[in-house]
Amino acid sequence: MGECALTYPSKDKLPVLHIGNVSKSFGAIHALRDVSLDLFAGQVTAILGENGAGKTTLVSVVSGAAQPDSGELAIDGRPVSFASPLDAMRQGVFVVHQEPQLVSQMTIAQNLFIYELGEQPLTHAYNPARFVERATVALDRLGLAGDLPDPRQQVRDLSAAGRQLVAVVRALIRQPRVLLLDEPNSSLTRNETDRLFTLIRRLRDQGVAVALVSHRLSEVYEIADRVGILRDGRKVAEDTPSRLPVSLAIQAMAGERLGEVREVAVAAATEGAATQSVPDPSSATEGREVLRLEHCTGQRFRDVSLSIHAGEIVGLAGLVGSGRTEIARAVVGADPMLGGTVWFKGRRVRFRNTRGALQAGLAFIGEERRTQIFYGQTIRFNITSSVLDKLVSFGFIRQRAQDRLAAGLASQLSVRTPSLASPVTSLSGGNQQKLLMARLLSVKPTAVILDEPTRGVDVATKAEIYEILRGLAREGLAIWFISSELDEIIELADRVFIVREGRVVESLPGGPSAAVIVASVLGERLMPS
């Protein structure tokens, strides 16, 4: 490849990239369903949607990282298919991921030309001076000489914003026709985002078709020329920002009728339901307080305060990466708690591991089911494994006692199995999830924390799990669950805590509108119209 020149295609009527009726499934999960979208030269298109809407899958298909099951891609009206991301790059389609794919041990200059390393003789490819020279010339021609630090600097020494900028410039040097930015501003400050957006505007003005995936609606609307919205794998809306304002975008993402959204907005403005400040841990709730966090800080969250009471089901909602899982893991000792105070059953605690939490009566089921099941063992063993020490007499497990316990819990949670002696691999995914809950109940906990309790299960099993959780709450168990599914939060939670960027920012009463949750998760306010 020669040195970069500032020559970009002029705007024309044909889209640079046409995405036509693209579908993609992973097993029983339909990640994309007949999605069509056009990206035009000199335009920034924002692609919005809640967790699981299909945004990442769409980026993967367009960039060659995944192959569509059906549908077509076309560049300048010419059908294309990408066998790999490298193939897509060769045809002018580049992606900058949320976590830039850079080599930390290399310099900025080497990272800018890293795609060429395999195409050059080793003596040339690893000549540091040559890379610095080429980087300096390219940045000067692009008008970016003052935007990056010294090209000789190591990437590992850069800030998050610096790494994002290197990734964008690396794509720009190779003269992209289409540039897809996947959550590029998720970890940037306002000033860093402004700097990134200045560069994006420059690309747009030079004729690049830019697609921007982001959850930060207010920031996206500052730069977008067009907005496309995905929900449940389908494109549900597309228009200009003026005709699809933030309030309507939230409605489309949440899947609610506009009238409902407006009613919620009026109620929120009148009663403050959607703009409540960080919750008061002593807020009145039925049942005694079982678990309370006061100003807790961990690896990806800070200053978190919340409380859970006996017989209460509390939901934790937030984007993937917001810190919601990390909060739960730190409470039960799976990750370190770096500051703050945890109270459990009226006593100040600091668990060193999940076993210590379990012995105290605080049970936890993480989102990754495969790491918590003993696949080489029977169903009976898996249900009773947490209390085997209590079933031992004279060095032997009391088989009848183990059978009674396992059978009782399997029946209580409707674990469908031909025999407790059957291997755990004979169970469906939903029954494996219920088995984990049965194991959890074997220790007779006071409170349970469940991370994505219905992930990967069918609709019927999901309904069963909901009823199980409601029944356990009626018996006085305090339940804290984390979920990416709005319907699940609305269906189950007596209260909802919203986590955003590592903080609990709001507490909502049970049964909130999906639009209120989406707005809160994204940091937006629903305004009455």
Protein backbone atom coordinates (compact mmCIF):
# COMPACT_ATOMS: atom_id res chain seq x y z
CA MET A 1 0.00 0.00 0.00
CA GLY A 2 1.28 3.50 -0.79
CA GLU A 3 1.13 6.53 1.44
CA CYS A 4 -2.30 7.86 2.31
CA ALA A 5 -3.86 10.57 0.16
CA LEU A 6 -6.92 12.64 0.89
CA THR A 7 -9.09 11.30 -1.91
CA TYR A 8 -12.53 10.06 -0.96
CA PRO A 9 -15.55 9.20 -3.10
CA SER A 10 -18.00 11.99 -3.72
CA LYS A 11 -21.54 11.75 -2.39
CA ASP A 12 -23.94 10.04 -4.77
CA LYS A 13 -27.42 8.60 -4.64
CA LEU A 14 -26.40 5.00 -4.23
CA PRO A 15 -25.53 3.97 -0.69
CA VAL A 16 -21.88 3.12 -0.17
CA LEU A 17 -23.01 0.08 1.81
CA HIS A 18 -26.41 -1.56 1.44
CA ILE A 19 -27.53 -4.08 4.06
CA GLY A 20 -30.49 -5.97 2.63
CA ASN A 21 -32.81 -8.24 4.64
CA VAL A 22 -29.96 -9.73 6.65
CA SER A 23 -30.78 -12.49 9.14
CA LYS A 24 -28.48 -14.31 11.54
CA SER A 25 -29.23 -16.97 14.16
CA PHE A 26 -27.11 -18.65 16.79
CA GLY A 27 -28.91 -21.90 17.53
CA ALA A 28 -32.42 -21.01 18.67
CA ILE A 29 -31.52 -17.34 19.15
CA HIS A 30 -32.51 -15.06 16.25
CA ALA A 31 -29.96 -12.29 16.58
CA LEU A 32 -30.99 -10.52 13.35
CA ARG A 33 -34.29 -10.77 11.47
CA ASP A 34 -34.52 -9.25 7.98
CA VAL A 35 -32.55 -6.13 8.85
CA SER A 36 -32.10 -3.59 6.06
CA LEU A 37 -30.05 -0.41 6.39
CA ASP A 38 -28.22 1.90 3.99
CA LEU A 39 -25.02 3.78 4.81
CA PHE A 40 -24.34 6.83 2.62
CA ALA A 41 -21.15 8.70 1.86
CA GLY A 42 -20.79 11.83 3.97
CA GLN A 43 -23.34 10.73 6.57
CA VAL A 44 -23.15 9.54 10.18
CA THR A 45 -25.74 6.88 10.91
CA ALA A 46 -26.41 6.07 14.57
CA ILE A 47 -27.42 2.47 15.28
CA LEU A 48 -29.27 2.26 18.59
CA GLY A 49 -30.88 -0.47 20.63
CA GLU A 50 -31.05 -2.05 24.07
CA ASN A 51 -28.96 -5.00 25.25
CA GLY A 52 -29.56 -7.95 22.95
CA ALA A 53 -31.13 -5.86 20.19
CA GLY A 54 -28.70 -7.18 17.57
CA LYS A 55 -26.30 -4.25 17.17
CA THR A 56 -23.10 -6.21 17.78
CA THR A 57 -24.23 -9.04 15.49
CA LEU A 58 -24.99 -6.52 12.74
CA VAL A 59 -21.50 -5.04 13.09
CA SER A 60 -20.03 -8.57 12.99
CA VAL A 61 -21.88 -9.41 9.77
CA VAL A 62 -21.02 -6.14 8.05
CA SER A 63 -17.34 -6.44 9.04
CA GLY A 64 -16.93 -10.07 7.92
CA ALA A 65 -16.54 -11.45 11.44
CA ALA A 66 -19.79 -13.44 11.02
CA GLN A 67 -21.59 -14.77 7.97
CA PRO A 68 -25.30 -13.96 7.53
CA ASP A 69 -27.77 -16.83 7.21
CA SER A 70 -29.66 -14.88 4.55
CA GLY A 71 -29.79 -11.45 2.99
CA GLU A 72 -27.19 -9.49 1.07
CA LEU A 73 -24.52 -6.82 1.31
CA ALA A 74 -23.66 -4.47 -1.54
CA ILE A 75 -21.03 -1.78 -2.03
CA ASP A 76 -21.94 0.92 -4.58
CA GLY A 77 -24.74 -1.37 -5.76
CA ARG A 78 -22.41 -4.32 -6.33
CA PRO A 79 -23.16 -7.47 -4.26
CA VAL A 80 -20.28 -8.45 -1.98
CA SER A 81 -19.52 -11.05 0.65
CA PHE A 82 -16.78 -10.87 3.24
CA ALA A 83 -14.98 -14.05 4.21
CA SER A 84 -13.22 -12.34 7.10
CA PRO A 85 -12.61 -8.90 8.66
CA LEU A 86 -9.43 -8.64 6.59
CA ASP A 87 -11.47 -9.29 3.45
CA ALA A 88 -13.90 -6.52 4.47
CA MET A 89 -11.01 -4.12 5.05
CA ARG A 90 -9.63 -4.84 1.62
CA GLN A 91 -12.99 -3.69 0.23
CA GLY A 92 -13.03 -0.53 2.35
CA VAL A 93 -15.11 -1.57 5.39
CA PHE A 94 -13.41 -1.01 8.76
CA VAL A 95 -14.54 -1.48 12.35
CA VAL A 96 -13.26 0.21 15.50
CA HIS A 97 -14.38 -1.88 18.46
CA GLN A 98 -15.31 -0.76 21.96
CA GLU A 99 -12.04 -2.30 23.14
CA PRO A 100 -9.57 -1.26 20.40
CA GLN A 101 -7.62 -4.20 19.02
CA LEU A 102 -4.15 -2.78 19.54
CA VAL A 103 -0.84 -4.35 20.57
CA SER A 104 0.11 -2.68 23.86
CA GLN A 105 3.79 -3.60 23.60
CA MET A 106 4.15 -1.81 20.26
CA THR A 107 4.43 1.88 19.50
CA ILE A 108 1.67 4.04 18.09
CA ALA A 109 3.47 4.04 14.73
CA GLN A 110 3.68 0.25 14.58
CA ASN A 111 0.00 -0.10 15.51
CA LEU A 112 -1.03 2.33 12.78
CA PHE A 113 0.46 0.01 10.15
CA ILE A 114 0.00 -3.32 11.91
CA TYR A 115 -2.15 -4.78 9.12
CA GLU A 116 0.88 -4.62 6.84
CA LEU A 117 3.28 -6.47 9.13
CA GLY A 118 2.51 -9.83 7.54
CA GLU A 119 3.00 -8.41 4.06
CA GLN A 120 6.46 -6.90 4.60
CA PRO A 121 9.93 -8.48 4.98
CA LEU A 122 10.76 -8.82 8.68
CA THR A 123 13.68 -6.39 8.50
CA HIS A 124 11.38 -3.77 7.02
CA ALA A 125 8.30 -4.55 9.10
CA TYR A 126 10.05 -4.17 12.42
CA ASN A 127 12.19 -1.16 11.56
CA PRO A 128 11.01 1.35 14.23
CA ALA A 129 12.43 4.38 12.46
CA ARG A 130 10.68 3.47 9.22
CA PHE A 131 7.33 3.17 11.00
CA VAL A 132 7.76 6.52 12.73
CA GLU A 133 8.64 8.18 9.43
CA ARG A 134 5.59 6.71 7.66
CA ALA A 135 3.28 7.60 10.57
CA THR A 136 4.52 11.19 10.64
CA VAL A 137 3.99 11.64 6.90
CA ALA A 138 0.52 10.03 6.95
CA LEU A 139 -0.70 12.05 9.95
CA ASP A 140 0.54 15.26 8.37
CA ARG A 141 -1.28 14.52 5.10
CA LEU A 142 -4.47 13.70 7.01
CA GLY A 143 -4.26 16.90 9.01
CA LEU A 144 -3.95 14.90 12.24
CA ALA A 145 -0.36 15.64 13.17
CA GLY A 146 -1.41 17.39 16.37
CA ASP A 147 -4.10 14.90 17.39
CA LEU A 148 -1.88 11.97 18.41
CA PRO A 149 1.07 11.86 20.79
CA ASP A 150 4.59 11.09 19.59
CA PRO A 151 4.30 8.07 17.23
CA ARG A 152 7.22 6.48 19.11
CA GLN A 153 5.16 6.25 22.31
CA GLN A 154 4.04 2.83 23.53
CA VAL A 155 0.30 2.16 23.20
CA ARG A 156 0.21 0.74 26.75
CA ASP A 157 0.91 4.25 28.05
CA LEU A 158 -2.13 5.80 26.35
CA SER A 159 -5.46 6.68 27.93
CA ALA A 160 -8.69 5.03 26.77
CA ALA A 161 -9.33 8.04 24.56
CA GLY A 162 -5.83 7.82 23.12
CA ARG A 163 -6.28 4.16 22.22
CA GLN A 164 -9.61 4.87 20.55
CA LEU A 165 -8.00 7.65 18.53
CA VAL A 166 -5.17 5.36 17.40
CA ALA A 167 -7.71 2.76 16.24
CA VAL A 168 -9.72 5.37 14.30
CA VAL A 169 -6.61 6.86 12.70
CA ARG A 170 -5.37 3.38 11.77
CA ALA A 171 -8.60 2.83 9.83
CA LEU A 172 -8.43 6.29 8.29
CA ILE A 173 -4.90 5.74 6.98
CA ARG A 174 -6.22 2.86 4.87
CA GLN A 175 -8.84 5.12 3.22
CA PRO A 176 -12.09 3.53 4.42
CA ARG A 177 -15.27 3.71 2.40
CA VAL A 178 -17.27 2.65 5.49
CA LEU A 179 -16.22 3.08 9.12
CA LEU A 180 -18.20 1.36 11.89
CA LEU A 181 -17.57 2.57 15.44
CA ASP A 182 -18.87 0.16 18.10
CA GLU A 183 -19.42 2.01 21.41
CA PRO A 184 -16.35 4.22 20.86
CA ASN A 185 -17.33 6.72 23.56
CA SER A 186 -18.46 4.27 26.28
CA SER A 187 -15.38 4.88 28.44
CA LEU A 188 -14.57 8.44 27.38
CA THR A 189 -15.04 11.68 29.26
CA ARG A 190 -17.05 14.51 27.74
CA ASN A 191 -13.89 16.27 26.55
CA GLU A 192 -12.50 13.07 25.05
CA THR A 193 -15.81 12.40 23.32
CA ASP A 194 -15.77 15.91 21.84
CA ARG A 195 -12.30 15.23 20.46
CA LEU A 196 -13.45 11.93 18.93
CA PHE A 197 -16.55 13.56 17.42
CA THR A 198 -14.42 16.27 15.83
CA LEU A 199 -12.50 13.55 14.01
CA ILE A 200 -15.74 11.77 12.99
CA ARG A 201 -17.11 15.00 11.54
CA ARG A 202 -13.90 15.39 9.58
CA LEU A 203 -14.31 11.89 8.17
CA ARG A 204 -17.92 12.58 7.28
CA ASP A 205 -16.98 15.78 5.48
CA GLN A 206 -14.37 13.86 3.49
CA GLY A 207 -17.05 11.47 2.22
CA VAL A 208 -16.72 8.48 4.53
CA ALA A 209 -19.92 6.61 5.45
CA VAL A 210 -19.81 6.37 9.24
CA ALA A 211 -21.97 4.09 11.41
CA LEU A 212 -21.90 4.77 15.14
CA VAL A 213 -23.19 2.24 17.68
CA SER A 214 -23.71 3.78 21.10
CA HIS A 215 -25.90 3.79 24.20
CA ARG A 216 -25.23 7.46 24.93
CA LEU A 217 -28.22 8.91 23.16
CA SER A 218 -27.68 12.59 23.95
CA GLU A 219 -24.11 12.49 22.62
CA VAL A 220 -25.07 10.46 19.55
CA TYR A 221 -27.78 12.92 18.61
CA GLU A 222 -25.18 15.69 18.47
CA ILE A 223 -23.45 14.06 15.52
CA ALA A 224 -25.92 11.74 13.77
CA ASP A 225 -27.41 12.58 10.38
CA ARG A 226 -29.64 9.52 10.54
CA VAL A 227 -30.82 7.15 13.28
CA GLY A 228 -31.66 3.45 12.95
CA ILE A 229 -33.10 1.48 15.87
CA LEU A 230 -32.98 -2.26 16.46
CA ARG A 231 -35.16 -4.24 18.86
CA ASP A 232 -35.15 -8.02 19.27
CA GLY A 233 -33.07 -8.42 16.13
CA ARG A 234 -35.33 -6.29 13.91
CA LYS A 235 -35.02 -2.74 12.61
CA VAL A 236 -38.03 -1.01 14.12
CA ALA A 237 -37.35 2.63 13.19
CA GLU A 238 -35.17 4.75 10.93
CA ASP A 239 -35.29 8.49 10.32
CA THR A 240 -33.49 11.78 10.81
CA PRO A 241 -32.86 12.93 14.41
CA SER A 242 -35.34 15.78 13.99
CA ARG A 243 -38.14 13.38 13.07
CA LEU A 244 -37.03 10.67 15.50
CA PRO A 245 -36.13 12.59 18.68
CA VAL A 246 -34.72 10.95 21.79
CA SER A 247 -38.15 10.43 23.38
CA LEU A 248 -39.41 8.50 20.35
CA ALA A 249 -36.12 6.60 20.08
CA ILE A 250 -36.57 5.39 23.65
CA GLN A 251 -40.13 4.37 22.83
CA ALA A 252 -38.93 2.37 19.83
CA MET A 253 -36.16 0.71 21.84
CA ALA A 254 -38.56 -0.19 24.65
CA GLY A 255 -41.30 -1.41 22.31
CA GLU A 256 -44.10 0.56 23.93
CA ARG A 257 -46.88 2.57 22.37
CA LEU A 258 -46.19 6.29 22.18
CA GLY A 259 -49.25 7.08 24.29
CA GLU A 260 -47.91 4.94 27.13
CA VAL A 261 -44.56 6.66 26.95
CA ARG A 262 -46.17 10.08 27.13
CA GLU A 263 -48.29 9.04 30.11
CA VAL A 264 -45.19 7.80 31.89
CA ALA A 265 -43.34 10.97 31.00
CA VAL A 266 -46.08 13.14 32.48
CA ALA A 267 -46.14 11.03 35.63
CA ALA A 268 -42.37 11.17 35.89
CA ALA A 269 -42.32 14.93 35.52
CA THR A 270 -45.11 15.34 38.08
CA GLU A 271 -44.09 12.79 40.69
CA GLY A 272 -40.35 12.46 40.06
CA ALA A 273 -40.64 8.71 39.55
CA ALA A 274 -38.03 8.54 36.81
CA THR A 275 -35.60 11.07 38.27
CA GLN A 276 -35.30 9.91 41.85
CA SER A 277 -31.82 10.28 43.32
CA VAL A 278 -29.68 7.47 44.74
CA PRO A 279 -31.97 5.36 46.96
CA ASP A 280 -32.23 5.76 50.69
CA PRO A 281 -31.26 2.33 52.09
CA SER A 282 -33.74 2.78 54.93
CA SER A 283 -36.74 3.27 52.63
CA ALA A 284 -39.87 1.62 53.97
CA THR A 285 -40.44 -1.90 52.64
CA GLU A 286 -42.35 -4.86 54.00
CA GLY A 287 -40.16 -7.33 55.93
CA ARG A 288 -37.02 -6.78 57.92
CA GLU A 289 -33.92 -5.57 56.18
CA VAL A 290 -31.66 -8.49 55.26
CA LEU A 291 -28.87 -7.00 53.14
CA ARG A 292 -27.61 -3.44 52.94
CA LEU A 293 -24.76 -1.84 51.04
CA GLU A 294 -23.40 1.53 52.16
CA HIS A 295 -21.12 3.49 49.83
CA CYS A 296 -19.50 0.33 48.47
CA THR A 297 -16.69 0.50 45.91
CA GLY A 298 -15.13 -2.26 43.84
CA GLN A 299 -13.14 -2.78 40.68
CA ARG A 300 -15.84 -1.46 38.32
CA PHE A 301 -18.29 0.33 40.60
CA ARG A 302 -18.18 3.06 43.21
CA ASP A 303 -20.22 4.53 46.04
CA VAL A 304 -23.07 2.03 45.72
CA SER A 305 -25.84 2.01 48.34
CA LEU A 306 -28.90 -0.24 48.25
CA SER A 307 -30.94 -2.51 50.50
CA ILE A 308 -33.03 -5.69 50.27
CA HIS A 309 -35.71 -6.88 52.68
CA ALA A 310 -37.14 -10.27 53.58
CA GLY A 311 -39.81 -11.37 51.11
CA GLU A 312 -38.74 -8.79 48.55
CA ILE A 313 -37.59 -9.30 44.97
CA VAL A 314 -35.19 -6.56 43.89
CA GLY A 315 -34.06 -6.16 40.29
CA LEU A 316 -30.77 -4.65 39.15
CA ALA A 317 -30.96 -3.20 35.64
CA GLY A 318 -28.23 -1.68 33.52
CA LEU A 319 -26.29 -2.06 30.32
CA VAL A 320 -23.81 -4.89 29.94
CA GLY A 321 -20.59 -3.52 31.43
CA SER A 322 -22.38 -1.04 33.68
CA GLY A 323 -20.99 -2.72 36.81
CA ARG A 324 -24.14 -4.52 37.94
CA THR A 325 -22.54 -8.01 37.94
CA GLU A 326 -19.40 -6.72 39.62
CA ILE A 327 -21.45 -5.30 42.49
CA ALA A 328 -23.02 -8.69 43.18
CA ARG A 329 -19.74 -10.57 42.88
CA ALA A 330 -18.01 -8.25 45.33
CA VAL A 331 -20.82 -8.60 47.88
CA VAL A 332 -20.45 -12.40 47.97
CA GLY A 333 -16.65 -12.34 47.96
CA ALA A 334 -16.10 -13.53 44.37
CA ASP A 335 -14.30 -10.22 43.66
CA PRO A 336 -12.64 -7.87 46.14
CA MET A 337 -14.67 -5.17 47.87
CA LEU A 338 -12.38 -2.14 47.95
CA GLY A 339 -14.40 0.14 50.20
CA GLY A 340 -17.71 0.75 51.92
CA THR A 341 -19.76 -1.40 54.28
CA VAL A 342 -21.93 -4.49 53.74
CA TRP A 343 -24.51 -5.39 56.40
CA PHE A 344 -26.07 -8.86 56.38
CA LYS A 345 -28.74 -9.85 58.88
CA GLY A 346 -27.83 -6.85 61.01
CA ARG A 347 -24.11 -7.63 61.15
CA ARG A 348 -21.26 -5.95 59.33
CA VAL A 349 -19.62 -8.50 57.01
CA ARG A 350 -16.82 -8.79 54.45
CA PHE A 351 -16.87 -12.18 52.73
CA ARG A 352 -13.58 -13.53 51.41
CA ASN A 353 -15.20 -15.99 49.02
CA THR A 354 -18.59 -17.26 47.91
CA ARG A 355 -18.38 -20.27 50.25
CA GLY A 356 -18.10 -17.96 53.23
CA ALA A 357 -21.14 -16.03 52.00
CA LEU A 358 -23.06 -19.28 51.49
CA GLN A 359 -22.25 -20.52 54.99
CA ALA A 360 -23.57 -17.23 56.36
CA GLY A 361 -26.83 -17.63 54.42
CA LEU A 362 -26.16 -15.48 51.35
CA ALA A 363 -26.30 -17.65 48.22
CA PHE A 364 -25.16 -16.69 44.73
CA ILE A 365 -25.70 -18.10 41.24
CA GLY A 366 -23.54 -16.42 38.61
CA GLU A 367 -24.48 -15.85 35.00
CA GLU A 368 -22.17 -18.57 33.66
CA ARG A 369 -24.01 -21.81 34.43
CA ARG A 370 -21.34 -24.12 32.97
CA THR A 371 -18.78 -23.22 35.62
CA GLN A 372 -21.13 -24.05 38.49
CA ILE A 373 -22.29 -27.53 37.54
CA PHE A 374 -20.35 -30.74 38.20
CA TYR A 375 -20.78 -32.31 34.79
CA GLY A 376 -19.14 -35.59 35.71
CA GLN A 377 -21.58 -36.21 38.57
CA THR A 378 -25.20 -37.21 39.10
CA ILE A 379 -28.18 -34.96 39.58
CA ARG A 380 -28.33 -36.07 43.21
CA PHE A 381 -24.73 -35.02 43.83
CA ASN A 382 -25.20 -31.65 42.13
CA ILE A 383 -28.26 -30.76 44.22
CA THR A 384 -26.67 -31.73 47.55
CA SER A 385 -23.01 -30.81 46.95
CA SER A 386 -23.16 -27.68 49.14
CA VAL A 387 -24.31 -29.64 52.22
CA LEU A 388 -22.53 -32.99 51.85
CA ASP A 389 -20.58 -32.36 55.06
CA LYS A 390 -23.89 -32.35 56.96
CA LEU A 391 -24.92 -35.68 55.43
CA VAL A 392 -21.85 -37.61 56.57
CA SER A 393 -21.82 -40.10 59.47
CA PHE A 394 -18.74 -42.15 60.40
CA GLY A 395 -17.04 -41.10 57.18
CA PHE A 396 -19.89 -42.14 54.87
CA ILE A 397 -22.67 -40.17 53.23
CA ARG A 398 -26.09 -41.12 54.59
CA GLN A 399 -27.60 -42.17 51.29
CA ARG A 400 -31.23 -42.07 52.39
CA ALA A 401 -30.86 -38.58 53.83
CA GLN A 402 -29.18 -37.40 50.63
CA ASP A 403 -31.92 -38.97 48.52
CA ARG A 404 -34.69 -37.38 50.60
CA LEU A 405 -33.08 -33.96 50.40
CA ALA A 406 -32.37 -34.17 46.67
CA ALA A 407 -35.83 -35.54 45.86
CA GLY A 408 -37.60 -32.91 47.95
CA LEU A 409 -35.73 -30.02 46.38
CA ALA A 410 -36.06 -31.44 42.86
CA SER A 411 -39.80 -31.71 43.40
CA GLN A 412 -40.08 -28.24 44.92
CA LEU A 413 -38.36 -26.67 41.93
CA SER A 414 -39.86 -29.01 39.31
CA VAL A 415 -36.50 -30.36 38.12
CA ARG A 416 -37.63 -32.87 35.50
CA THR A 417 -35.46 -35.97 35.59
CA PRO A 418 -36.07 -39.71 35.22
CA SER A 419 -33.79 -40.45 38.15
CA LEU A 420 -31.64 -38.62 40.67
CA ALA A 421 -28.89 -41.06 39.72
CA SER A 422 -28.95 -39.83 36.12
CA PRO A 423 -25.96 -37.78 34.94
CA VAL A 424 -26.49 -34.05 35.14
CA THR A 425 -25.79 -33.84 31.40
CA SER A 426 -29.15 -35.53 30.81
CA LEU A 427 -30.93 -32.36 31.92
CA SER A 428 -32.00 -29.55 29.62
CA GLY A 429 -30.54 -26.08 30.10
CA GLY A 430 -33.65 -24.91 31.93
CA ASN A 431 -33.59 -27.88 34.28
CA GLN A 432 -29.90 -27.32 34.95
CA GLN A 433 -30.75 -23.77 35.97
CA LYS A 434 -33.45 -25.03 38.33
CA LEU A 435 -30.99 -27.60 39.68
CA LEU A 436 -28.63 -24.78 40.66
CA MET A 437 -31.50 -23.10 42.48
CA ALA A 438 -32.29 -26.38 44.25
CA ARG A 439 -28.66 -26.60 45.39
CA LEU A 440 -28.88 -23.02 46.60
CA LEU A 441 -31.97 -23.81 48.70
CA SER A 442 -30.29 -26.83 50.29
CA VAL A 443 -28.39 -24.50 52.62
CA LYS A 444 -31.61 -22.71 53.64
CA PRO A 445 -30.31 -19.23 52.78
CA THR A 446 -31.70 -15.95 54.03
CA ALA A 447 -30.99 -14.14 50.76
CA VAL A 448 -30.06 -15.13 47.22
CA ILE A 449 -28.39 -13.23 44.41
CA LEU A 450 -29.12 -14.46 40.86
CA ASP A 451 -27.28 -13.13 37.81
CA GLU A 452 -29.32 -13.61 34.60
CA PRO A 453 -31.44 -16.42 36.13
CA THR A 454 -33.30 -17.25 32.91
CA ARG A 455 -30.59 -16.79 30.29
CA GLY A 456 -30.81 -19.46 27.61
CA VAL A 457 -34.04 -21.08 28.80
CA ASP A 458 -37.28 -21.46 26.88
CA VAL A 459 -40.41 -19.43 27.55
CA ALA A 460 -42.18 -22.16 29.53
CA THR A 461 -39.18 -22.74 31.81
CA LYS A 462 -38.78 -19.01 32.26
CA ALA A 463 -42.37 -18.78 33.50
CA GLU A 464 -41.69 -21.65 35.90
CA ILE A 465 -38.64 -19.92 37.31
CA TYR A 466 -40.63 -16.73 37.78
CA GLU A 467 -43.24 -18.60 39.79
CA ILE A 468 -40.54 -20.33 41.83
CA LEU A 469 -38.97 -17.01 42.72
CA ARG A 470 -42.32 -15.50 43.67
CA GLY A 471 -43.04 -18.51 45.88
CA LEU A 472 -39.66 -18.23 47.60
CA ALA A 473 -40.28 -14.53 48.25
CA ARG A 474 -43.67 -15.34 49.78
CA GLU A 475 -41.83 -17.67 52.15
CA GLY A 476 -39.65 -14.76 53.27
CA LEU A 477 -36.53 -15.16 51.13
CA ALA A 478 -34.84 -11.92 50.05
CA ILE A 479 -34.10 -12.13 46.32
CA TRP A 480 -31.78 -9.90 44.33
CA PHE A 481 -31.60 -10.61 40.61
CA ILE A 482 -29.72 -9.08 37.70
CA SER A 483 -31.24 -9.20 34.24
CA SER A 484 -30.74 -7.75 30.77
CA GLU A 485 -34.38 -8.42 29.89
CA LEU A 486 -36.77 -5.52 30.43
CA ASP A 487 -39.80 -7.80 30.56
CA GLU A 488 -38.19 -9.84 33.33
CA ILE A 489 -37.40 -6.76 35.42
CA ILE A 490 -40.95 -5.46 34.99
CA GLU A 491 -42.55 -8.86 35.68
CA LEU A 492 -40.65 -9.78 38.84
CA ALA A 493 -39.19 -6.82 40.69
CA ASP A 494 -40.80 -5.15 43.69
CA ARG A 495 -38.15 -2.47 43.32
CA VAL A 496 -35.64 -1.75 40.55
CA PHE A 497 -32.19 -0.29 41.05
CA ILE A 498 -30.64 1.27 37.94
CA VAL A 499 -26.87 0.89 37.49
CA ARG A 500 -25.08 3.22 35.12
CA GLU A 501 -21.32 3.58 34.70
CA GLY A 502 -20.58 1.85 37.98
CA ARG A 503 -23.11 3.72 40.13
CA VAL A 504 -26.60 3.02 41.37
CA VAL A 505 -28.29 6.13 40.03
CA GLU A 506 -31.99 5.53 40.62
CA SER A 507 -34.50 3.41 42.51
CA LEU A 508 -37.84 2.75 40.82
CA PRO A 509 -40.96 1.18 42.32
CA GLY A 510 -42.13 -2.20 41.04
CA GLY A 511 -43.74 -2.51 37.62
CA PRO A 512 -42.10 0.49 35.93
CA SER A 513 -42.67 1.17 32.26
CA ALA A 514 -40.05 -0.27 29.93
CA ALA A 515 -39.54 3.26 28.60
CA VAL A 516 -38.72 4.56 32.08
CA ILE A 517 -36.14 1.80 32.57
CA VAL A 518 -34.56 2.39 29.15
CA ALA A 519 -34.41 6.15 29.72
CA SER A 520 -32.82 5.70 33.15
CA VAL A 521 -30.32 3.10 31.98
CA LEU A 522 -29.24 5.41 29.16
CA GLY A 523 -29.14 8.51 31.34
CA GLU A 524 -32.00 10.25 29.56
CA ARG A 525 -35.13 11.96 30.89
CA LEU A 526 -38.57 11.32 29.51
CA MET A 527 -40.21 14.67 28.96
CA PRO A 528 -43.97 15.19 28.64
CA SER A 529 -45.07 16.12 25.14
